[in-house]
Amino acid sequence: MKKSKNFIITAIRIYEDCDSFLRKGLKDEWYLLSNRVRLTSENKLELSNENIYINNLWGKGINISAIVGSNGSGKSSLLEILYRIVNNLSAILQKGKQRKAAETLYFIAGLYAEVYYIIDDQLLGISCKGNCLSLILPDSSEITLYAFQYNKNDIVSMKEFIYYTKKYLFYTIVTNYSLQAFISQDFKREEVFLLRKEEDSLPKEDAIWLNSLFHKNDGYMTPIVLNPFRGEGIIDMNIEHHLTIYRLSSCFIHARNTNREFISKYKLHQISYSYNNTYVKDKIQKDKENKISDNTVWDYSFDTSGSRYADKILNLYGFTTEGLEFNKENNFNTVLKDAALYLVHKTIDIASKYPIFNDKNIKKCSMFDEIKQDEEKDLEEIVLFLKKDKSHMTVKIHQVLHFLRAYIKGNLDNLTFSDFNFNNYVSLIGGDPWSTNIAKIQEYLPPSFFNINIQLDHFRNNKKKDNANPIPLDRLSTGERQYLYTFSTYIYHVLNLLSIKSSSSVKYRRFNLILDELEICFHPEYQRCFIFEFIGFIKRLHLNSRASFNIIIVTHSPFVLSDIPSKNILWMRDGEQDRSSMETRNPFAANVNDILKESFFLENGFIGEFTKQKILSLIKFITKGSPKNKEWDKEKAKYFISLIGEPIIKEKLTNLLNSKL
């Protein structure tokens, strides 16, 4: 049989030696996410062909599994074990490397656990046993990637390490919008080490490994990202909204151009833009170490022969004094100056942050400083690279270049910067407003110093509501916006990762997408359609023709679970896997009430506990009650029964009461 292109996270194993604080209530055992694997009599994991035909159930290169259990059963704790394994692998990968603006990665001590996964029908694993981290290859052999105080001869070279990680590694994208998730202080007690080039490790008492997975600025070198961004455990929803609006704009345009819905019942009416006259200045002045005054920004004029960073960078991009002639008295030229300074700022920002430029002598500095002689050649090479590169790293560079070139040519003379729409703008700068290539759509968006206003038309039964005005995105319900936030996060990161072409970076083509607490804010109808819509986006963007996807959903929603066969569900109870559930429960295409009872362990019924206790109390009164009962009498009982919505319960209680009367 021809091997299928698949990628499946299939098992997590926790060992007895694992620090109890790391595993919380989890047991030292195997946790299986798919019956594509089975345990041997020796408690070893091996491939099974039993579930091979489920590979393409959701489409080429897409696998979906779920983790289910009541609150406190260990679902999120199990995923945190996976995050720690990937974190420790990342800490080794970045050991001794200069990370510039990226957060420092720390190695977590006391972790004894493994994650197993399938790539093209081959079983692999990553094993972390204390200070030893190994890669388990398809032939079941292990290669040690890092080991502190072990025999150095047993450890592969860094060159081999990079080879194996590029060949077998996957990228993990996580979303969890729960307010109780990823609180930094919850991880403060975990012992971590800083891995250094000269010495093997250095204990760090106050470091929290989790924080480094939010704010990396490392060009996706660390193979995991947690969303939304939390600064010391706090989500800044203003920042999230700004990021999401930018990401959504290209998604809505793509949906319109391909005649698809991005969100049920809504279609794009128009995206309009307005100039933000403080955006660039705020960006420039954000650096506290090189505080730049308002006057310095305001008085800047471009000098082609100048020796400042700003002058040199604009010159390297091919601009001349005649083209970039700023005039303080002309508000129109204020936009031109902002565009030029934003191009300079973004160039320095990228050069000072991304690891690809580690060998360049460019540090984060004031754009108005004099450039040193030994930095000129490095700057020339950086600008040449940025002009040619077409990855996520340079999208905003190309956006502002398109704007500046069109501006200088006079193509934007009749554009009102206080209010213009996407179609008109893209036509003026030489792009195609009806492109179905999402990378091209992103490249021709207006630069970031323009505010974005997305307006939608509301449809019902595929017909636009009569006389309905367009609805601004910020007027959608909380659940609708959460739906859009979730979709746009995954699409944004996957497209960025697929755009990487640099030989110094891993070109990921396997993505592990984890959706924890999926149903937060979602109406049952959104829950019911979520998997269908999610895989629909992957297919419409042809992402699964370029990569393989493993999707893990942690949910309490029976609607979500009804789209996943029992063979791909990990049921958890009291910190361990409930293995009998896989054999006795199957929520796939099942009735929602049956799923609630069987898959979510609702042994106590399906009505609210308050009402349940009232009914039991009423039954007790009718069958054994006395005239002195203060809670019930004949009239109260009749009235209470009249309120009940379930006809069978209502009828039975009525008959019971009448028989006693």
Foldseek 3Di string as FASTA:
>chain_A
DAFAFEKAFFKKAAAPQADCLLLPLFDRAMFTQFVLWDADPVRDIDGDCPCVVCRQVLHGQEAEFEEFEDPPLRPVSRVSLVVLLLLQLLLLLCAAHDQQPFDAGWRFFRGFMKIWMDGRNAIKIWTDDGQWIWIQGSVRDIQTCTHAPDPPVRHDDSVVSVVVCLVDPFAEEEEDPDLPPPQQVSQLPTWIWRQHDVHGTDTDNRDGNSLSQDGGLALCQRRYHYPDRDDNSHDDVVVLVLVLLLLVVLVLLLCVLVVHDLFPQKHFDFKKKAFQLCVLVCLLQVPPVAHDDPVVLLPDAADCPDQFLLNLLCVLVPDDNLLLPADSVDVVSSVVSSLSSVLSSLLLVNCSRYSVNSVAPRHDYRRGDGDDPSRNVSSSVSSVCLVPALAPSNLLNLQSVLVSVLVSVVLCVPPDNRIDTDCSQLVSSPHHSSDNQSSSSSSNDHHPSMDMWTWIFGHDPNHTDPPDDTHTPVPDDPLSVVLSSVLSSVVVVLRNLCSDDDPVHRNHQEYEYEYEAPCVSHDLVCLLCVSVSNSVVCVSNPSSVRHRYYYYYYYPALSNQLCPFLSSYFYGGSNYTPVVLSVVPTSHVHDSLSCNVRRHVCPPDDDDPVVVVVLVVLVCCLVPNDPPDPVDDLVVQVVVLVPDDDVVSSVVSVVSNVVSD
